[in-house]
Every structure is written in structure tokens, then in C-alpha cells.
């Protein structure tokens, strides 16, 4: 059973192209899949997806919370779900998540739509998205109200984020530089030059025979000594090859350009961040995504009336997960022991199981409320 087998076929009818404000083209071609073939792009996207996948869903509906965290669909667990939509968002700047419901409109699954391209259509005054897949033989049309949509670089279109065209020049420069280095190694790996014979007026076939014999004797892999000997009738003049390649500083600037585009750096990619840098990275690159996902799923899964009854979905990552062990111990001494958080809240951030009774705040005996000492003096006077 494939992905498309889970969806009902759209009703028959005539679809019209959806007209956006400003007459923006409502057909969006695939853009970004080839970016993932770049090792630099993949290195940039991986930490964004890894950190995002640490988040957990909190929901007013416990059953839905279990679906989101454990098995959003038959293909993915909760971590895979977050990882996949973050990767697709970074590469394509637009992610569609199909919300599957049963006959009672209860959510039974969420599927990131792995489309190759998509088109906005209108039918009976309502917006539909028609998805096209890589095989080119299948299409899927889904109503807008059943789709949660995440967008990055949201600017020109009402439906989709802008394309990643801004980074293509930098990636092309990196690719060209890598090919230049490869070609330079190949071009200088062998002895090159001009073989001249002192014999006068050799026939063309004799000249070719001398050249081929020289190549066979001295330029083949079997010539391990690296030394060539010539008789008095031959003279070899080497040609010095000096290919022009990008300098280290230029290559570094090309990489930094890609890093800046995705909002990462070498420390993030290599995992060399201290707690301060991790917290800054979380607030800048992870938390905004989780806020967007939380609000989009809440608004699409729950109607306005349902939201008014206190229904909500929130994705959050415990910031203690990004804190060093020394900082966690310090938090226990300074916060937990003075009632700022419970033992189990602290243990959750340390990836430890809760303790019985650990949800009750504790207080060190050497601490008291601000007015406690004055109250004690009054009691002693009495």
C-alpha cells in the first residue's frame, strides 16, 4: 500500500486555476531536491532537523498527543515526522501536511506530502491544492482546510514560500571550484611535454611511433622509477602545468555564504557549542519553527469554536536538553532546592525517569519567605 492509497479521490468537476492577489503564478514547480545532493547543504540542514526533532507535542487532547509523539502516520514516529518536515522546509521553503480524519472528524494521522510540484486550484469557490509526484503519472487533489502549511521566506505568494534561488550562485561556485581542483590534480599527475627528434624529415607514421613508444615506456603505470632515458636523437621538453584554482580563503567564503543562508556555522555543524551558543541557536533557528508548527496545527485541526473551548497543540523542546551537565547541576542547587522547579522537571531535562513524589516542590531549610523572619520575631515577643 502506497502513500496515495490513503486518500480519497477528488470529486469529479472542473477545476480552475486559483487567482492570487497580484496575479502571482499559482503553479509551483519542484525546487530544492538537488540542493540536498550538496554535502555542504546537507551538513547545514542536518543540525536544524536534529535539534527540531528533539521537540515533543503537548496537546489538550491526550489521544492526539500520543499520535503526534508516537506515530503520526504508518511510516514515521514523532521524531521522523519532525525531522522530515524540517528538511523539506529548508530545501523547498514550503511543506504541506495532510490531516487525515475519520468519519467523526477525529484526527487519525498526519502525512507530510512528498510532492514534486503543486498547483493551486479553485472548485465551487473553495481552494484546493493539486500535487504532482516524481513519477509523473499520479496526481492528488486535497482541500485547503485539510492541509497544514509551513512556509519559509514567505513573501510573494499567498500560498508558498519563495524559492531558494538566492543560494544557487554560491553552490555553483563551490561546485566549480571543486571540479577545478579535481581537474588540476588530474592534469598535473602525469609528465607532459614535447618530444623532439633530431632526425631530419621523419615520416608522420615514424613520428607517431616514436611518441607512442615513449609514452608506453615512461608515462605508463608500470614505470615506477619515474626516470626516462633518451638517446642522442631525441630531446624531451617538459611543459609546466599551473592550473588556476580557488584559494583557501575564497573556498571558505563560499562555504560561509551557504552557512549564513541556513543560519548555521562550523561550531553548530561540528557540535562544538557551549550552552550559551546552543541556547542562542535554539531561540533563533528552532523555536520559531516550533511556534509556527504549533499555531498551524492548532488552527487547522481545531475550528475557531473548538479553540474557544481551550483546545490547543504546542510543540516544545525542554531547554535543559541543550544545557551542559555543569549547568544542570548548578540549576539543581540554585533552582530546585529553592522551589523554583520540581525534581521531576529537572530530571526530565536530564533525560531521566521521574521519581515518586518528585512533582512536589522542595525548599531548603536555610531559606524562608521575605517576611518570615519578622513574623517569627512577633511570635517570640508574644
Protein backbone atom coordinates (compact mmCIF):
# COMPACT_ATOMS: atom_id res chain seq x y z
CA UNK A 1 0.00 0.00 0.00
CA UNK A 2 1.48 3.33 -1.05
CA UNK A 3 1.10 6.92 0.12
CA UNK A 4 -1.67 7.74 -2.37
CA UNK A 5 -3.76 4.76 -1.31
CA UNK A 6 -4.73 6.54 1.91
CA UNK A 7 -6.57 9.34 0.16
CA UNK A 8 -9.99 9.52 -1.36
CA UNK A 9 -10.18 10.55 -4.97
CA UNK A 10 -11.46 14.09 -5.53
CA UNK A 11 -14.97 14.66 -6.71
CA UNK A 12 -15.44 14.99 -10.42
CA UNK A 13 -15.75 18.52 -11.68
CA UNK A 14 -14.00 21.34 -13.41
CA UNK A 15 -11.12 22.91 -11.51
CA UNK A 16 -9.93 26.40 -12.34
CA UNK A 17 -6.56 27.95 -11.61
CA UNK A 18 -6.63 29.83 -8.33
CA UNK A 19 -6.04 33.55 -8.78
CA UNK A 20 -3.87 35.08 -6.10
CA UNK A 21 -3.67 38.74 -5.24
CA UNK A 22 -1.17 40.41 -7.53
CA UNK A 23 -1.76 37.67 -10.13
CA UNK A 24 1.07 35.55 -8.77
CA UNK A 25 1.58 32.27 -10.65
CA UNK A 26 -0.31 29.58 -8.77
CA UNK A 27 1.79 26.70 -10.17
CA UNK A 28 4.86 25.86 -8.13
CA UNK A 29 7.50 23.61 -9.65
CA UNK A 30 9.81 21.43 -7.65
CA UNK A 31 12.78 23.36 -6.39
CA UNK A 32 15.38 22.26 -3.92
CA UNK A 33 15.73 18.50 -4.26
CA UNK A 34 19.09 18.84 -5.98
CA UNK A 35 20.30 21.07 -3.15
CA UNK A 36 20.33 18.02 -0.89
CA UNK A 37 22.96 16.42 -3.13
CA UNK A 38 25.42 19.05 -1.92
CA UNK A 39 27.46 17.93 1.08
CA UNK A 40 27.55 21.49 2.44
CA UNK A 41 23.77 21.90 2.22
CA UNK A 42 23.20 18.55 3.88
CA UNK A 43 25.66 19.47 6.64
CA UNK A 44 23.72 22.71 7.21
CA UNK A 45 20.27 21.12 7.22
CA UNK A 46 21.15 18.14 9.42
CA UNK A 47 21.64 20.02 12.74
CA UNK A 48 18.48 22.05 12.10
CA UNK A 49 16.50 18.84 11.65
CA UNK A 50 18.23 17.02 14.53
CA UNK A 51 17.58 19.78 17.05
CA UNK A 52 14.00 20.24 15.82
CA UNK A 53 13.29 16.51 16.17
CA UNK A 54 14.01 16.71 19.91
CA UNK A 55 10.75 18.59 20.48
CA UNK A 56 7.62 16.94 21.84
CA UNK A 57 3.98 17.77 21.31
CA UNK A 58 1.72 18.89 24.12
CA UNK A 59 -1.99 18.80 23.40
CA UNK A 60 -5.29 19.33 25.21
CA UNK A 61 -6.40 16.02 23.67
CA UNK A 62 -4.27 13.24 25.19
CA UNK A 63 -5.10 10.79 22.38
CA UNK A 64 -3.95 13.27 19.72
CA UNK A 65 -0.82 13.99 21.76
CA UNK A 66 0.04 10.30 21.65
CA UNK A 67 -0.45 10.25 17.88
CA UNK A 68 1.80 13.28 17.37
CA UNK A 69 4.60 11.96 19.56
CA UNK A 70 4.49 8.24 18.87
CA UNK A 71 3.06 7.52 15.40
CA UNK A 72 1.77 10.46 13.30
CA UNK A 73 1.40 8.03 10.38
CA UNK A 74 2.26 4.48 9.45
CA UNK A 75 5.65 5.49 8.04
CA UNK A 76 7.03 7.71 10.82
CA UNK A 77 7.39 8.08 14.53
CA UNK A 78 7.22 11.51 16.12
CA UNK A 79 10.92 12.24 15.66
CA UNK A 80 10.91 11.19 12.00
CA UNK A 81 7.85 13.37 11.40
CA UNK A 82 9.55 16.50 12.74
CA UNK A 83 12.84 15.66 11.00
CA UNK A 84 11.21 15.20 7.61
CA UNK A 85 9.12 18.35 7.61
CA UNK A 86 12.10 20.44 8.77
CA UNK A 87 14.30 19.06 5.98
CA UNK A 88 11.63 19.67 3.36
CA UNK A 89 11.01 23.17 4.67
CA UNK A 90 14.70 24.09 4.40
CA UNK A 91 15.04 22.64 0.90
CA UNK A 92 11.71 23.67 -0.64
CA UNK A 93 10.55 26.50 1.66
CA UNK A 94 7.01 25.07 1.66
CA UNK A 95 5.71 21.96 3.43
CA UNK A 96 2.19 20.53 3.23
CA UNK A 97 0.93 18.21 5.96
CA UNK A 98 -2.26 16.30 5.19
CA UNK A 99 -4.56 15.93 8.22
CA UNK A 100 -6.35 12.57 7.98
CA UNK A 101 -9.68 12.30 9.82
CA UNK A 102 -12.18 9.55 10.43
CA UNK A 103 -15.95 9.74 9.85
CA UNK A 104 -16.37 11.59 13.15
CA UNK A 105 -13.71 14.16 12.09
CA UNK A 106 -11.25 12.90 14.70
CA UNK A 107 -7.63 13.15 13.57
CA UNK A 108 -6.14 9.72 12.87
CA UNK A 109 -2.88 10.69 11.15
CA UNK A 110 -0.70 13.43 9.71
CA UNK A 111 1.22 12.94 6.47
CA UNK A 112 3.89 15.28 5.05
CA UNK A 113 3.03 15.32 1.34
CA UNK A 114 6.13 14.26 -0.68
CA UNK A 115 5.14 16.17 -3.80
CA UNK A 116 7.34 17.04 -6.75
CA UNK A 117 5.30 20.16 -7.58
CA UNK A 118 1.87 21.56 -6.75
CA UNK A 119 -0.78 23.80 -8.20
CA UNK A 120 -3.45 25.94 -6.55
CA UNK A 121 -6.94 25.31 -7.96
CA UNK A 122 -10.46 26.59 -7.35
CA UNK A 123 -13.58 24.44 -7.25
CA UNK A 124 -17.02 25.72 -6.22
CA UNK A 125 -15.43 28.78 -4.68
CA UNK A 126 -13.02 26.78 -2.49
CA UNK A 127 -9.26 26.42 -2.63
CA UNK A 128 -7.68 23.06 -3.46
CA UNK A 129 -4.03 22.05 -3.89
CA UNK A 130 -3.23 19.58 -6.66
CA UNK A 131 0.01 17.71 -6.02
CA UNK A 132 2.22 16.19 -8.70
CA UNK A 133 4.70 13.45 -7.82
CA UNK A 134 8.09 12.44 -9.16
CA UNK A 135 6.72 9.52 -11.18
CA UNK A 136 4.74 11.98 -13.30
CA UNK A 137 1.84 9.53 -13.53
CA UNK A 138 -0.05 10.34 -10.34
CA UNK A 139 -1.83 13.39 -9.00
CA UNK A 140 -3.56 14.14 -5.73
CA UNK A 141 -6.01 16.98 -5.09
CA UNK A 142 -6.77 17.92 -1.49
CA UNK A 143 -8.88 20.70 0.05
CA UNK A 144 -7.03 23.57 1.68
CA UNK A 145 -8.77 23.07 5.03
CA UNK A 146 -7.25 19.57 5.32
CA UNK A 147 -3.71 20.84 4.82
CA UNK A 148 -1.39 22.38 7.39
CA UNK A 149 1.15 24.54 5.55
CA UNK A 150 4.56 25.67 6.79
CA UNK A 151 6.47 28.30 4.83
CA UNK A 152 9.91 29.89 4.91
CA UNK A 153 10.85 33.14 3.14
CA UNK A 154 7.12 33.84 2.91
CA UNK A 155 6.92 36.86 0.62
CA UNK A 156 5.44 36.98 -2.88
CA UNK A 157 2.88 34.19 -2.85
CA UNK A 158 -0.15 33.81 -0.60
CA UNK A 159 0.34 30.02 -0.63
CA UNK A 160 4.04 29.19 -0.81
CA UNK A 161 7.40 30.49 0.37
CA UNK A 162 9.87 31.93 -2.13
CA UNK A 163 12.34 29.64 -3.85
CA UNK A 164 15.94 29.04 -2.81
CA UNK A 165 17.35 30.73 -5.91
CA UNK A 166 19.39 33.11 -3.75
CA UNK A 167 21.82 30.36 -2.74
CA UNK A 168 22.35 28.77 -6.15
CA UNK A 169 25.20 31.07 -7.21
CA UNK A 170 27.23 30.22 -4.10
CA UNK A 171 26.62 26.49 -4.57
CA UNK A 172 27.61 26.72 -8.23
CA UNK A 173 30.85 28.48 -7.27
CA UNK A 174 31.63 25.72 -4.76
CA UNK A 175 30.89 23.05 -7.37
CA UNK A 176 33.04 24.79 -9.99
CA UNK A 177 35.91 25.19 -7.50
CA UNK A 178 35.75 21.50 -6.55
CA UNK A 179 35.82 20.47 -10.20
CA UNK A 180 38.73 22.85 -10.78
CA UNK A 181 40.75 21.21 -8.02
CA UNK A 182 39.91 17.75 -9.36
CA UNK A 183 40.94 18.70 -12.88
CA UNK A 184 44.12 20.35 -11.60
CA UNK A 185 45.14 17.15 -9.83
CA UNK A 186 44.44 15.08 -12.92
CA UNK A 187 46.22 17.47 -15.29
CA UNK A 188 49.42 17.62 -13.20
CA UNK A 189 49.54 13.96 -12.24
CA UNK A 190 51.37 12.91 -15.41
CA UNK A 191 54.51 14.06 -17.18
CA UNK A 192 53.63 16.37 -20.06
CA UNK A 193 55.88 17.90 -22.68
CA UNK A 194 57.17 17.89 -26.25
CA UNK A 195 59.27 15.03 -27.63
CA UNK A 196 61.55 16.28 -30.42
CA UNK A 197 63.67 14.10 -32.70
CA UNK A 198 66.96 15.37 -34.19
CA UNK A 199 66.50 13.11 -37.18
CA UNK A 200 65.54 15.10 -40.23
CA UNK A 201 62.26 14.71 -42.09
CA UNK A 202 60.72 11.74 -40.34
CA UNK A 203 57.60 10.34 -41.90
CA UNK A 204 54.37 11.02 -39.98
CA UNK A 205 53.99 7.37 -39.08
CA UNK A 206 57.55 7.26 -37.69
CA UNK A 207 56.90 10.37 -35.55
CA UNK A 208 53.77 8.81 -34.15
CA UNK A 209 55.60 5.56 -33.49
CA UNK A 210 58.34 7.36 -31.51
CA UNK A 211 55.78 9.24 -29.43
CA UNK A 212 53.73 6.14 -28.66
CA UNK A 213 56.86 4.20 -27.72
CA UNK A 214 57.94 7.00 -25.35
CA UNK A 215 54.52 7.12 -23.69
CA UNK A 216 54.44 3.35 -23.31
CA UNK A 217 57.94 3.18 -21.81
CA UNK A 218 57.93 6.16 -19.47
CA UNK A 219 54.41 7.50 -18.89
CA UNK A 220 52.63 4.25 -18.05
CA UNK A 221 51.83 3.00 -14.55
CA UNK A 222 54.49 0.30 -14.91
CA UNK A 223 57.26 2.94 -14.88
CA UNK A 224 57.56 3.08 -11.09
CA UNK A 225 61.01 4.66 -11.07
CA UNK A 226 59.84 7.95 -12.56
CA UNK A 227 63.00 8.30 -14.69
CA UNK A 228 63.13 8.47 -18.50
CA UNK A 229 66.26 7.97 -20.64
CA UNK A 230 66.69 9.22 -24.21
CA UNK A 231 69.26 8.64 -26.91
CA UNK A 232 71.12 11.37 -28.78
CA UNK A 233 68.45 11.56 -31.47
CA UNK A 234 65.65 12.61 -29.04
CA UNK A 235 65.01 15.63 -26.84
CA UNK A 236 62.14 16.00 -24.37
CA UNK A 237 60.98 19.44 -23.21
CA UNK A 238 58.52 19.29 -20.26
CA UNK A 239 55.57 21.63 -20.12
CA UNK A 240 54.85 23.07 -16.68
CA UNK A 241 51.14 22.94 -15.82
CA UNK A 242 49.90 25.54 -13.34
CA UNK A 243 46.07 25.35 -13.24
CA UNK A 244 44.32 28.23 -11.52
CA UNK A 245 42.13 27.11 -8.60
CA UNK A 246 40.25 28.96 -5.87
CA UNK A 247 42.31 29.84 -2.82
CA UNK A 248 41.55 28.58 0.69
CA UNK A 249 40.14 31.97 1.66
CA UNK A 250 37.87 32.01 -1.38
CA UNK A 251 36.58 28.49 -0.68
CA UNK A 252 35.99 29.44 2.96
CA UNK A 253 33.95 32.48 1.91
CA UNK A 254 31.85 30.30 -0.44
CA UNK A 255 31.08 27.94 2.46
CA UNK A 256 30.35 30.80 4.84
CA UNK A 257 27.85 32.18 2.34
CA UNK A 258 25.91 28.90 2.47
CA UNK A 259 26.22 28.77 6.27
CA UNK A 260 24.77 32.27 6.59
CA UNK A 261 21.88 31.38 4.31
CA UNK A 262 20.85 28.45 6.51
CA UNK A 263 21.73 30.20 9.77
CA UNK A 264 24.46 27.82 10.98
CA UNK A 265 28.23 27.85 11.43
CA UNK A 266 31.11 25.42 11.88
CA UNK A 267 30.54 25.11 15.62
CA UNK A 268 26.91 24.10 15.09
CA UNK A 269 27.74 21.63 12.34
CA UNK A 270 30.60 20.02 14.28
CA UNK A 271 28.81 20.13 17.66
CA UNK A 272 31.36 22.43 19.31
CA UNK A 273 28.86 24.73 21.02
CA UNK A 274 28.77 25.70 24.66
CA UNK A 275 25.47 26.12 26.49
CA UNK A 276 25.22 29.82 25.61
CA UNK A 277 25.63 29.22 21.90
CA UNK A 278 23.19 26.29 21.98
CA UNK A 279 20.56 28.42 23.68
CA UNK A 280 21.04 31.20 21.13
CA UNK A 281 20.80 28.68 18.28
CA UNK A 282 17.61 27.25 19.77
CA UNK A 283 15.95 30.64 20.14
CA UNK A 284 16.95 31.79 16.66
CA UNK A 285 16.55 28.70 14.49
CA UNK A 286 14.49 26.07 16.38
CA UNK A 287 11.90 27.88 18.48
CA UNK A 288 10.41 29.94 15.60
CA UNK A 289 9.78 26.73 13.65
CA UNK A 290 8.08 25.09 16.64
CA UNK A 291 5.89 28.15 17.18
CA UNK A 292 4.83 28.12 13.52
CA UNK A 293 4.08 24.39 13.58
CA UNK A 294 2.10 24.70 16.84
CA UNK A 295 -0.09 27.52 15.59
CA UNK A 296 -0.68 25.99 12.17
CA UNK A 297 -1.73 22.59 13.52
CA UNK A 298 -3.92 24.18 16.19
CA UNK A 299 -5.74 26.36 13.65
CA UNK A 300 -6.19 23.56 11.10
CA UNK A 301 -7.09 20.71 13.47
CA UNK A 302 -9.37 22.75 15.74
CA UNK A 303 -12.01 25.11 14.43
CA UNK A 304 -12.43 28.55 15.96
CA UNK A 305 -15.23 27.25 18.18
CA UNK A 306 -13.13 24.29 19.31
CA UNK A 307 -10.25 26.61 20.16
CA UNK A 308 -12.57 28.75 22.26
CA UNK A 309 -13.13 25.68 24.47
CA UNK A 310 -9.42 25.55 25.25
CA UNK A 311 -8.15 23.09 22.62
CA UNK A 312 -4.54 23.60 21.63
CA UNK A 313 -1.36 21.98 20.30
CA UNK A 314 2.10 23.12 21.34
CA UNK A 315 5.47 21.75 20.25
CA UNK A 316 8.22 22.49 22.71
CA UNK A 317 11.73 21.35 23.45
CA UNK A 318 12.91 21.35 27.04
CA UNK A 319 15.74 23.88 27.08
CA UNK A 320 17.52 21.83 29.74
CA UNK A 321 18.25 19.30 27.00
CA UNK A 322 20.63 21.84 25.46
CA UNK A 323 22.39 22.74 28.74
CA UNK A 324 25.74 21.29 29.84
CA UNK A 325 25.96 18.90 32.79
CA UNK A 326 27.66 21.53 34.97
CA UNK A 327 24.82 23.95 34.26
CA UNK A 328 22.21 21.29 35.10
CA UNK A 329 23.88 20.61 38.45
CA UNK A 330 24.01 24.33 39.14
CA UNK A 331 20.30 24.63 38.32
CA UNK A 332 19.53 21.86 40.79
CA UNK A 333 21.38 23.66 43.57
CA UNK A 334 20.08 27.13 42.79
CA UNK A 335 16.57 26.48 41.47
CA UNK A 336 15.28 23.05 42.51
CA UNK A 337 16.44 23.28 46.12
CA UNK A 338 14.71 26.64 46.47
CA UNK A 339 11.37 25.59 44.97
CA UNK A 340 11.81 27.17 41.54
CA UNK A 341 11.14 23.84 39.80
CA UNK A 342 10.36 20.30 40.87
CA UNK A 343 12.81 17.42 40.93
CA UNK A 344 10.93 15.68 38.12
CA UNK A 345 11.02 18.80 35.93
CA UNK A 346 14.77 18.85 36.39
CA UNK A 347 15.10 15.11 35.76
CA UNK A 348 13.09 15.46 32.54
CA UNK A 349 15.66 17.92 31.24
CA UNK A 350 18.38 15.42 32.13
CA UNK A 351 16.58 12.61 30.21
CA UNK A 352 15.93 10.69 33.42
CA UNK A 353 12.76 8.92 34.53
CA UNK A 354 10.55 10.71 37.08
CA UNK A 355 10.66 9.83 40.75
CA UNK A 356 7.71 9.12 43.00
CA UNK A 357 6.95 12.29 44.90
CA UNK A 358 9.19 14.29 42.59
CA UNK A 359 6.38 16.58 41.47
CA UNK A 360 6.18 18.29 44.86
CA UNK A 361 8.37 21.42 45.12
CA UNK A 362 11.01 21.31 47.85
CA UNK A 363 12.65 24.08 49.85
CA UNK A 364 15.96 24.14 51.68
CA UNK A 365 15.63 24.73 55.39
CA UNK A 366 18.04 27.66 55.31
CA UNK A 367 15.62 29.65 53.12
CA UNK A 368 12.36 31.35 54.04
CA UNK A 369 9.90 33.93 52.77
CA UNK A 370 10.94 37.56 52.96
CA UNK A 371 8.51 38.39 55.79
CA UNK A 372 9.05 35.11 57.64
CA UNK A 373 11.75 36.48 59.97
CA UNK A 374 9.58 39.43 61.03
CA UNK A 375 6.69 37.10 61.73
CA UNK A 376 8.94 34.89 63.83
CA UNK A 377 10.09 37.88 65.93
CA UNK A 378 6.49 38.87 66.60
CA UNK A 379 5.69 35.34 67.75
CA UNK A 380 8.69 35.34 70.12
CA UNK A 381 7.62 38.67 71.66
CA UNK A 382 4.18 37.27 72.40
